[in-house]
Amino acid sequence: MDEAARRRQSLMARGYERVHVENDHWDGPVSGVADVDGVPCYFYSAYFAGEDETDSGEFLIWPITRSALEAEIEHYRIFAEWLRGGQVDPPR
């Protein structure tokens, strides 16, 4: 097991869950897709949604379909490759 896999395993053992995609960030995560109780869900900051007057760290969440999750991950892969300045294959 490599170092990254050991770190992931350690974090999950402490109750952290996987973040699949972070779409927006402003002094912390704003929106994206993450597991909630093991189920992939969209998340959006309640503060940025205007539903929280102070940034309490609460998020609105709702389920994502498998096909939408795959599309979000592919979109993020293309974006990350673009940031690195690499060649990006068009989606199929």
PDB file of N, CA and C in Angstrom:
ATOM      1  N   MET A   1       0.853  -1.173   0.000  1.00  0.00           N
ATOM      2  CA  MET A   1       0.000   0.000   0.000  1.00  0.00           C
ATOM      3  C   MET A   1       0.904   1.242   0.000  1.00  0.00           C
ATOM      4  N   ASP A   2       0.635   2.182  -0.913  1.00  0.00           N
ATOM      5  CA  ASP A   2       1.463   3.385  -0.990  1.00  0.00           C
ATOM      6  C   ASP A   2       1.053   4.397   0.086  1.00  0.00           C
ATOM      7  N   GLU A   3       1.846   5.449   0.215  1.00  0.00           N
ATOM      8  CA  GLU A   3       1.623   6.466   1.263  1.00  0.00           C
ATOM      9  C   GLU A   3       0.262   7.147   1.126  1.00  0.00           C
ATOM     10  N   ALA A   4      -0.143   7.490  -0.093  1.00  0.00           N
ATOM     11  CA  ALA A   4      -1.439   8.149  -0.304  1.00  0.00           C
ATOM     12  C   ALA A   4      -2.586   7.235   0.143  1.00  0.00           C
ATOM     13  N   ALA A   5      -2.491   5.957  -0.172  1.00  0.00           N
ATOM     14  CA  ALA A   5      -3.536   5.006   0.234  1.00  0.00           C
ATOM     15  C   ALA A   5      -3.576   4.866   1.746  1.00  0.00           C
ATOM     16  N   ARG A   6      -2.423   4.863   2.401  1.00  0.00           N
ATOM     17  CA  ARG A   6      -2.387   4.791   3.876  1.00  0.00           C
ATOM     18  C   ARG A   6      -3.033   6.018   4.498  1.00  0.00           C
ATOM     19  N   ARG A   7      -2.761   7.207   3.925  1.00  0.00           N
ATOM     20  CA  ARG A   7      -3.379   8.436   4.447  1.00  0.00           C
ATOM     21  C   ARG A   7      -4.888   8.408   4.287  1.00  0.00           C
ATOM     22  N   ARG A   8      -5.363   7.987   3.090  1.00  0.00           N
ATOM     23  CA  ARG A   8      -6.816   7.893   2.865  1.00  0.00           C
ATOM     24  C   ARG A   8      -7.458   6.944   3.862  1.00  0.00           C
ATOM     25  N   GLN A   9      -6.828   5.788   4.071  1.00  0.00           N
ATOM     26  CA  GLN A   9      -7.362   4.790   4.996  1.00  0.00           C
ATOM     27  C   GLN A   9      -7.407   5.352   6.417  1.00  0.00           C
ATOM     28  N   SER A  10      -6.376   6.073   6.824  1.00  0.00           N
ATOM     29  CA  SER A  10      -6.324   6.671   8.150  1.00  0.00           C
ATOM     30  C   SER A  10      -7.428   7.712   8.334  1.00  0.00           C
ATOM     31  N   LEU A  11      -7.626   8.564   7.331  1.00  0.00           N
ATOM     32  CA  LEU A  11      -8.671   9.586   7.423  1.00  0.00           C
ATOM     33  C   LEU A  11     -10.055   8.959   7.480  1.00  0.00           C
ATOM     34  N   MET A  12     -10.289   7.943   6.661  1.00  0.00           N
ATOM     35  CA  MET A  12     -11.601   7.283   6.658  1.00  0.00           C
ATOM     36  C   MET A  12     -11.863   6.577   7.980  1.00  0.00           C
ATOM     37  N   ALA A  13     -10.824   6.044   8.591  1.00  0.00           N
ATOM     38  CA  ALA A  13     -10.979   5.388   9.892  1.00  0.00           C
ATOM     39  C   ALA A  13     -11.386   6.395  10.963  1.00  0.00           C
ATOM     40  N   ARG A  14     -11.046   7.670  10.755  1.00  0.00           N
ATOM     41  CA  ARG A  14     -11.413   8.728  11.710  1.00  0.00           C
ATOM     42  C   ARG A  14     -12.740   9.383  11.367  1.00  0.00           C
ATOM     43  N   GLY A  15     -13.451   8.868  10.368  1.00  0.00           N
ATOM     44  CA  GLY A  15     -14.785   9.367  10.056  1.00  0.00           C
ATOM     45  C   GLY A  15     -14.873  10.325   8.877  1.00  0.00           C
ATOM     46  N   TYR A  16     -13.743  10.645   8.252  1.00  0.00           N
ATOM     47  CA  TYR A  16     -13.785  11.498   7.070  1.00  0.00           C
ATOM     48  C   TYR A  16     -14.297  10.692   5.890  1.00  0.00           C
ATOM     49  N   GLU A  17     -14.927  11.384   4.944  1.00  0.00           N
ATOM     50  CA  GLU A  17     -15.419  10.704   3.752  1.00  0.00           C
ATOM     51  C   GLU A  17     -14.813  11.326   2.502  1.00  0.00           C
ATOM     52  N   ARG A  18     -14.974  10.643   1.412  1.00  0.00           N
ATOM     53  CA  ARG A  18     -14.343  11.026   0.145  1.00  0.00           C
ATOM     54  C   ARG A  18     -14.990  12.267  -0.470  1.00  0.00           C
ATOM     55  N   VAL A  19     -14.160  13.190  -0.927  1.00  0.00           N
ATOM     56  CA  VAL A  19     -14.602  14.315  -1.750  1.00  0.00           C
ATOM     57  C   VAL A  19     -14.244  13.941  -3.185  1.00  0.00           C
ATOM     58  N   HIS A  20     -15.256  13.788  -4.016  1.00  0.00           N
ATOM     59  CA  HIS A  20     -15.026  13.387  -5.400  1.00  0.00           C
ATOM     60  C   HIS A  20     -14.577  14.579  -6.239  1.00  0.00           C
ATOM     61  N   VAL A  21     -15.246  15.712  -6.053  1.00  0.00           N
ATOM     62  CA  VAL A  21     -14.997  16.908  -6.858  1.00  0.00           C
ATOM     63  C   VAL A  21     -15.253  18.135  -6.002  1.00  0.00           C
ATOM     64  N   GLU A  22     -14.356  19.115  -6.088  1.00  0.00           N
ATOM     65  CA  GLU A  22     -14.604  20.419  -5.462  1.00  0.00           C
ATOM     66  C   GLU A  22     -14.714  21.427  -6.601  1.00  0.00           C
ATOM     67  N   ASN A  23     -15.935  21.916  -6.847  1.00  0.00           N
ATOM     68  CA  ASN A  23     -16.185  22.808  -7.977  1.00  0.00           C
ATOM     69  C   ASN A  23     -15.893  24.265  -7.668  1.00  0.00           C
ATOM     70  N   ASP A  24     -16.044  24.665  -6.429  1.00  0.00           N
ATOM     71  CA  ASP A  24     -15.839  26.063  -6.069  1.00  0.00           C
ATOM     72  C   ASP A  24     -15.210  26.123  -4.693  1.00  0.00           C
ATOM     73  N   HIS A  25     -14.318  27.096  -4.531  1.00  0.00           N
ATOM     74  CA  HIS A  25     -13.564  27.231  -3.285  1.00  0.00           C
ATOM     75  C   HIS A  25     -13.377  28.714  -2.999  1.00  0.00           C
ATOM     76  N   TRP A  26     -13.689  29.135  -1.782  1.00  0.00           N
ATOM     77  CA  TRP A  26     -13.472  30.512  -1.356  1.00  0.00           C
ATOM     78  C   TRP A  26     -13.175  30.479   0.130  1.00  0.00           C
ATOM     79  N   ASP A  27     -11.918  30.474   0.486  1.00  0.00           N
ATOM     80  CA  ASP A  27     -11.494  30.306   1.884  1.00  0.00           C
ATOM     81  C   ASP A  27     -12.033  29.008   2.478  1.00  0.00           C
ATOM     82  N   GLY A  28     -12.264  28.029   1.657  1.00  0.00           N
ATOM     83  CA  GLY A  28     -12.793  26.735   2.059  1.00  0.00           C
ATOM     84  C   GLY A  28     -13.718  26.230   0.963  1.00  0.00           C
ATOM     85  N   PRO A  29     -14.144  24.994   1.056  1.00  0.00           N
ATOM     86  CA  PRO A  29     -15.017  24.443   0.006  1.00  0.00           C
ATOM     87  C   PRO A  29     -16.363  25.157  -0.035  1.00  0.00           C
ATOM     88  N   VAL A  30     -16.867  25.380  -1.250  1.00  0.00           N
ATOM     89  CA  VAL A  30     -18.177  26.007  -1.446  1.00  0.00           C
ATOM     90  C   VAL A  30     -19.144  25.012  -2.071  1.00  0.00           C
ATOM     91  N   SER A  31     -18.689  24.315  -3.121  1.00  0.00           N
ATOM     92  CA  SER A  31     -19.595  23.374  -3.779  1.00  0.00           C
ATOM     93  C   SER A  31     -18.798  22.232  -4.398  1.00  0.00           C
ATOM     94  N   GLY A  32     -19.505  21.131  -4.640  1.00  0.00           N
ATOM     95  CA  GLY A  32     -18.872  19.972  -5.246  1.00  0.00           C
ATOM     96  C   GLY A  32     -19.679  18.723  -5.021  1.00  0.00           C
ATOM     97  N   VAL A  33     -18.969  17.602  -4.998  1.00  0.00           N
ATOM     98  CA  VAL A  33     -19.583  16.297  -4.779  1.00  0.00           C
ATOM     99  C   VAL A  33     -18.749  15.544  -3.752  1.00  0.00           C
ATOM    100  N   ALA A  34     -19.395  15.042  -2.721  1.00  0.00           N
ATOM    101  CA  ALA A  34     -18.704  14.281  -1.677  1.00  0.00           C
ATOM    102  C   ALA A  34     -19.631  13.193  -1.155  1.00  0.00           C
ATOM    103  N   ASP A  35     -19.027  12.177  -0.530  1.00  0.00           N
ATOM    104  CA  ASP A  35     -19.826  11.132   0.109  1.00  0.00           C
ATOM    105  C   ASP A  35     -20.382  11.651   1.425  1.00  0.00           C
ATOM    106  N   VAL A  36     -21.651  11.353   1.669  1.00  0.00           N
ATOM    107  CA  VAL A  36     -22.304  11.633   2.944  1.00  0.00           C
ATOM    108  C   VAL A  36     -22.901  10.306   3.397  1.00  0.00           C
ATOM    109  N   ASP A  37     -22.408   9.790   4.497  1.00  0.00           N
ATOM    110  CA  ASP A  37     -22.795   8.451   4.966  1.00  0.00           C
ATOM    111  C   ASP A  37     -22.578   7.406   3.870  1.00  0.00           C
ATOM    112  N   GLY A  38     -21.486   7.576   3.116  1.00  0.00           N
ATOM    113  CA  GLY A  38     -21.123   6.618   2.084  1.00  0.00           C
ATOM    114  C   GLY A  38     -21.840   6.779   0.757  1.00  0.00           C
ATOM    115  N   VAL A  39     -22.726   7.783   0.652  1.00  0.00           N
ATOM    116  CA  VAL A  39     -23.502   7.995  -0.572  1.00  0.00           C
ATOM    117  C   VAL A  39     -23.047   9.291  -1.242  1.00  0.00           C
ATOM    118  N   PRO A  40     -22.669   9.246  -2.530  1.00  0.00           N
ATOM    119  CA  PRO A  40     -22.263  10.476  -3.205  1.00  0.00           C
ATOM    120  C   PRO A  40     -23.411  11.483  -3.283  1.00  0.00           C
ATOM    121  N   CYS A  41     -23.112  12.735  -2.912  1.00  0.00           N
ATOM    122  CA  CYS A  41     -24.102  13.813  -2.916  1.00  0.00           C
ATOM    123  C   CYS A  41     -23.458  15.106  -3.393  1.00  0.00           C
ATOM    124  N   TYR A  42     -24.270  15.946  -4.043  1.00  0.00           N
ATOM    125  CA  TYR A  42     -23.835  17.306  -4.289  1.00  0.00           C
ATOM    126  C   TYR A  42     -23.805  18.023  -2.944  1.00  0.00           C
ATOM    127  N   PHE A  43     -22.908  18.994  -2.803  1.00  0.00           N
ATOM    128  CA  PHE A  43     -22.945  19.861  -1.625  1.00  0.00           C
ATOM    129  C   PHE A  43     -22.782  21.308  -2.055  1.00  0.00           C
ATOM    130  N   TYR A  44     -23.393  22.209  -1.306  1.00  0.00           N
ATOM    131  CA  TYR A  44     -23.293  23.644  -1.560  1.00  0.00           C
ATOM    132  C   TYR A  44     -23.348  24.356  -0.215  1.00  0.00           C
ATOM    133  N   SER A  45     -22.461  25.301  -0.015  1.00  0.00           N
ATOM    134  CA  SER A  45     -22.388  26.029   1.243  1.00  0.00           C
ATOM    135  C   SER A  45     -23.700  26.751   1.545  1.00  0.00           C
ATOM    136  N   ALA A  46     -24.248  26.528   2.725  1.00  0.00           N
ATOM    137  CA  ALA A  46     -25.470  27.222   3.136  1.00  0.00           C
ATOM    138  C   ALA A  46     -25.226  28.729   3.199  1.00  0.00           C
ATOM    139  N   TYR A  47     -24.019  29.132   3.557  1.00  0.00           N
ATOM    140  CA  TYR A  47     -23.670  30.549   3.622  1.00  0.00           C
ATOM    141  C   TYR A  47     -23.749  31.187   2.233  1.00  0.00           C
ATOM    142  N   PHE A  48     -23.145  30.553   1.232  1.00  0.00           N
ATOM    143  CA  PHE A  48     -23.172  31.093  -0.124  1.00  0.00           C
ATOM    144  C   PHE A  48     -24.564  31.007  -0.742  1.00  0.00           C
ATOM    145  N   ALA A  49     -25.382  30.084  -0.259  1.00  0.00           N
ATOM    146  CA  ALA A  49     -26.763  29.967  -0.737  1.00  0.00           C
ATOM    147  C   ALA A  49     -27.661  31.011  -0.105  1.00  0.00           C
ATOM    148  N   GLY A  50     -27.126  31.771   0.865  1.00  0.00           N
ATOM    149  CA  GLY A  50     -27.917  32.805   1.531  1.00  0.00           C
ATOM    150  C   GLY A  50     -28.812  32.264   2.623  1.00  0.00           C
ATOM    151  N   GLU A  51     -28.592  31.023   3.038  1.00  0.00           N
ATOM    152  CA  GLU A  51     -29.425  30.418   4.062  1.00  0.00           C
ATOM    153  C   GLU A  51     -28.764  30.404   5.430  1.00  0.00           C
ATOM    154  N   ASP A  52     -27.601  31.024   5.534  1.00  0.00           N
ATOM    155  CA  ASP A  52     -26.849  31.041   6.784  1.00  0.00           C
ATOM    156  C   ASP A  52     -26.183  32.414   6.877  1.00  0.00           C
ATOM    157  N   GLU A  53     -26.540  33.208   7.901  1.00  0.00           N
ATOM    158  CA  GLU A  53     -26.011  34.571   8.004  1.00  0.00           C
ATOM    159  C   GLU A  53     -24.537  34.606   8.379  1.00  0.00           C
ATOM    160  N   THR A  54     -24.081  33.589   9.070  1.00  0.00           N
ATOM    161  CA  THR A  54     -22.656  33.472   9.387  1.00  0.00           C
ATOM    162  C   THR A  54     -22.167  32.166   8.779  1.00  0.00           C
ATOM    163  N   ASP A  55     -20.927  32.119   8.415  1.00  0.00           N
ATOM    164  CA  ASP A  55     -20.397  30.915   7.778  1.00  0.00           C
ATOM    165  C   ASP A  55     -20.130  29.854   8.840  1.00  0.00           C
ATOM    166  N   SER A  56     -21.165  29.079   9.152  1.00  0.00           N
ATOM    167  CA  SER A  56     -21.083  28.069  10.209  1.00  0.00           C
ATOM    168  C   SER A  56     -20.465  26.761   9.716  1.00  0.00           C
ATOM    169  N   GLY A  57     -20.201  26.675   8.418  1.00  0.00           N
ATOM    170  CA  GLY A  57     -19.646  25.441   7.874  1.00  0.00           C
ATOM    171  C   GLY A  57     -20.708  24.417   7.521  1.00  0.00           C
ATOM    172  N   GLU A  58     -21.968  24.837   7.504  1.00  0.00           N
ATOM    173  CA  GLU A  58     -23.038  23.908   7.134  1.00  0.00           C
ATOM    174  C   GLU A  58     -23.239  23.919   5.626  1.00  0.00           C
ATOM    175  N   PHE A  59     -23.663  22.774   5.104  1.00  0.00           N
ATOM    176  CA  PHE A  59     -23.844  22.618   3.668  1.00  0.00           C
ATOM    177  C   PHE A  59     -25.218  22.056   3.360  1.00  0.00           C
ATOM    178  N   LEU A  60     -25.766  22.486   2.236  1.00  0.00           N
ATOM    179  CA  LEU A  60     -26.965  21.877   1.681  1.00  0.00           C
ATOM    180  C   LEU A  60     -26.476  20.662   0.891  1.00  0.00           C
ATOM    181  N   ILE A  61     -27.148  19.552   0.988  1.00  0.00           N
ATOM    182  CA  ILE A  61     -26.753  18.349   0.244  1.00  0.00           C
ATOM    183  C   ILE A  61     -27.971  17.727  -0.424  1.00  0.00           C
ATOM    184  N   TRP A  62     -27.732  17.102  -1.564  1.00  0.00           N
ATOM    185  CA  TRP A  62     -28.778  16.357  -2.246  1.00  0.00           C
ATOM    186  C   TRP A  62     -28.121  15.279  -3.080  1.00  0.00           C
ATOM    187  N   PRO A  63     -28.843  14.182  -3.340  1.00  0.00           N
ATOM    188  CA  PRO A  63     -28.238  13.035  -4.019  1.00  0.00           C
ATOM    189  C   PRO A  63     -27.862  13.343  -5.467  1.00  0.00           C
ATOM    190  N   ILE A  64     -26.880  12.607  -5.953  1.00  0.00           N
ATOM    191  CA  ILE A  64     -26.430  12.708  -7.341  1.00  0.00           C
ATOM    192  C   ILE A  64     -26.592  11.335  -7.980  1.00  0.00           C
ATOM    193  N   THR A  65     -26.980  11.317  -9.235  1.00  0.00           N
ATOM    194  CA  THR A  65     -27.096  10.036  -9.941  1.00  0.00           C
ATOM    195  C   THR A  65     -25.707   9.537 -10.319  1.00  0.00           C
ATOM    196  N   ARG A  66     -25.602   8.255 -10.593  1.00  0.00           N
ATOM    197  CA  ARG A  66     -24.325   7.658 -10.984  1.00  0.00           C
ATOM    198  C   ARG A  66     -23.797   8.329 -12.257  1.00  0.00           C
ATOM    199  N   SER A  67     -24.672   8.547 -13.240  1.00  0.00           N
ATOM    200  CA  SER A  67     -24.212   9.159 -14.496  1.00  0.00           C
ATOM    201  C   SER A  67     -23.763  10.608 -14.274  1.00  0.00           C
ATOM    202  N   ALA A  68     -24.448  11.347 -13.415  1.00  0.00           N
ATOM    203  CA  ALA A  68     -24.038  12.725 -13.117  1.00  0.00           C
ATOM    204  C   ALA A  68     -22.705  12.734 -12.366  1.00  0.00           C
ATOM    205  N   LEU A  69     -22.505  11.776 -11.457  1.00  0.00           N
ATOM    206  CA  LEU A  69     -21.236  11.666 -10.736  1.00  0.00           C
ATOM    207  C   LEU A  69     -20.094  11.399 -11.719  1.00  0.00           C
ATOM    208  N   GLU A  70     -20.312  10.469 -12.632  1.00  0.00           N
ATOM    209  CA  GLU A  70     -19.279  10.169 -13.629  1.00  0.00           C
ATOM    210  C   GLU A  70     -18.964  11.393 -14.486  1.00  0.00           C
ATOM    211  N   ALA A  71     -20.000  12.153 -14.856  1.00  0.00           N
ATOM    212  CA  ALA A  71     -19.793  13.369 -15.653  1.00  0.00           C
ATOM    213  C   ALA A  71     -19.025  14.423 -14.851  1.00  0.00           C
ATOM    214  N   GLU A  72     -19.354  14.589 -13.566  1.00  0.00           N
ATOM    215  CA  GLU A  72     -18.650  15.559 -12.711  1.00  0.00           C
ATOM    216  C   GLU A  72     -17.172  15.187 -12.579  1.00  0.00           C
ATOM    217  N   ILE A  73     -16.893  13.908 -12.388  1.00  0.00           N
ATOM    218  CA  ILE A  73     -15.505  13.456 -12.244  1.00  0.00           C
ATOM    219  C   ILE A  73     -14.744  13.672 -13.551  1.00  0.00           C
ATOM    220  N   GLU A  74     -15.363  13.372 -14.686  1.00  0.00           N
ATOM    221  CA  GLU A  74     -14.715  13.585 -15.979  1.00  0.00           C
ATOM    222  C   GLU A  74     -14.475  15.075 -16.227  1.00  0.00           C
ATOM    223  N   HIS A  75     -15.450  15.893 -15.898  1.00  0.00           N
ATOM    224  CA  HIS A  75     -15.304  17.349 -16.052  1.00  0.00           C
ATOM    225  C   HIS A  75     -14.121  17.841 -15.221  1.00  0.00           C
ATOM    226  N   TYR A  76     -14.022  17.370 -13.993  1.00  0.00           N
ATOM    227  CA  TYR A  76     -12.920  17.789 -13.128  1.00  0.00           C
ATOM    228  C   TYR A  76     -11.576  17.274 -13.647  1.00  0.00           C
ATOM    229  N   ARG A  77     -11.556  16.058 -14.188  1.00  0.00           N
ATOM    230  CA  ARG A  77     -10.321  15.508 -14.753  1.00  0.00           C
ATOM    231  C   ARG A  77      -9.813  16.392 -15.891  1.00  0.00           C
ATOM    232  N   ILE A  78     -10.734  16.799 -16.769  1.00  0.00           N
ATOM    233  CA  ILE A  78     -10.366  17.674 -17.887  1.00  0.00           C
ATOM    234  C   ILE A  78      -9.856  19.013 -17.369  1.00  0.00           C
ATOM    235  N   PHE A  79     -10.535  19.583 -16.386  1.00  0.00           N
ATOM    236  CA  PHE A  79     -10.111  20.857 -15.801  1.00  0.00           C
ATOM    237  C   PHE A  79      -8.722  20.737 -15.174  1.00  0.00           C
ATOM    238  N   ALA A  80      -8.483  19.682 -14.408  1.00  0.00           N
ATOM    239  CA  ALA A  80      -7.187  19.490 -13.751  1.00  0.00           C
ATOM    240  C   ALA A  80      -6.086  19.328 -14.787  1.00  0.00           C
ATOM    241  N   GLU A  81      -6.371  18.601 -15.863  1.00  0.00           N
ATOM    242  CA  GLU A  81      -5.384  18.424 -16.929  1.00  0.00           C
ATOM    243  C   GLU A  81      -5.085  19.768 -17.602  1.00  0.00           C
ATOM    244  N   TRP A  82      -6.112  20.570 -17.818  1.00  0.00           N
ATOM    245  CA  TRP A  82      -5.932  21.894 -18.405  1.00  0.00           C
ATOM    246  C   TRP A  82      -5.061  22.771 -17.497  1.00  0.00           C
ATOM    247  N   LEU A  83      -5.307  22.703 -16.183  1.00  0.00           N
ATOM    248  CA  LEU A  83      -4.499  23.486 -15.243  1.00  0.00           C
ATOM    249  C   LEU A  83      -3.019  23.095 -15.315  1.00  0.00           C
ATOM    250  N   ARG A  84      -2.761  21.809 -15.491  1.00  0.00           N
ATOM    251  CA  ARG A  84      -1.386  21.329 -15.595  1.00  0.00           C
ATOM    252  C   ARG A  84      -0.765  21.648 -16.961  1.00  0.00           C
ATOM    253  N   GLY A  85      -1.576  22.140 -17.892  1.00  0.00           N
ATOM    254  CA  GLY A  85      -1.064  22.480 -19.205  1.00  0.00           C
ATOM    255  C   GLY A  85      -0.853  21.290 -20.106  1.00  0.00           C
ATOM    256  N   GLY A  86      -1.489  20.180 -19.768  1.00  0.00           N
ATOM    257  CA  GLY A  86      -1.326  18.970 -20.567  1.00  0.00           C
ATOM    258  C   GLY A  86      -2.324  18.880 -21.704  1.00  0.00           C
ATOM    259  N   GLN A  87      -2.126  17.884 -22.501  1.00  0.00           N
ATOM    260  CA  GLN A  87      -3.036  17.609 -23.598  1.00  0.00           C
ATOM    261  C   GLN A  87      -4.318  17.004 -23.021  1.00  0.00           C
ATOM    262  N   VAL A  88      -5.462  17.512 -23.433  1.00  0.00           N
ATOM    263  CA  VAL A  88      -6.739  17.018 -22.926  1.00  0.00           C
ATOM    264  C   VAL A  88      -7.470  16.313 -24.054  1.00  0.00           C
ATOM    265  N   ASP A  89      -7.823  15.046 -23.826  1.00  0.00           N
ATOM    266  CA  ASP A  89      -8.621  14.325 -24.805  1.00  0.00           C
ATOM    267  C   ASP A  89     -10.067  14.773 -24.692  1.00  0.00           C
ATOM    268  N   PRO A  90     -10.756  14.977 -25.818  1.00  0.00           N
ATOM    269  CA  PRO A  90     -12.158  15.387 -25.738  1.00  0.00           C
ATOM    270  C   PRO A  90     -13.021  14.280 -25.140  1.00  0.00           C
ATOM    271  N   PRO A  91     -14.082  14.656 -24.402  1.00  0.00           N
ATOM    272  CA  PRO A  91     -14.983  13.639 -23.844  1.00  0.00           C
ATOM    273  C   PRO A  91     -15.621  12.824 -24.971  1.00  0.00           C
ATOM    274  N   ARG A  92     -15.934  11.597 -24.664  1.00  0.00           N
ATOM    275  CA  ARG A  92     -16.569  10.721 -25.676  1.00  0.00           C
ATOM    276  C   ARG A  92     -18.008  10.523 -25.378  1.00  0.00           C
TER     277      ARG A  92
END
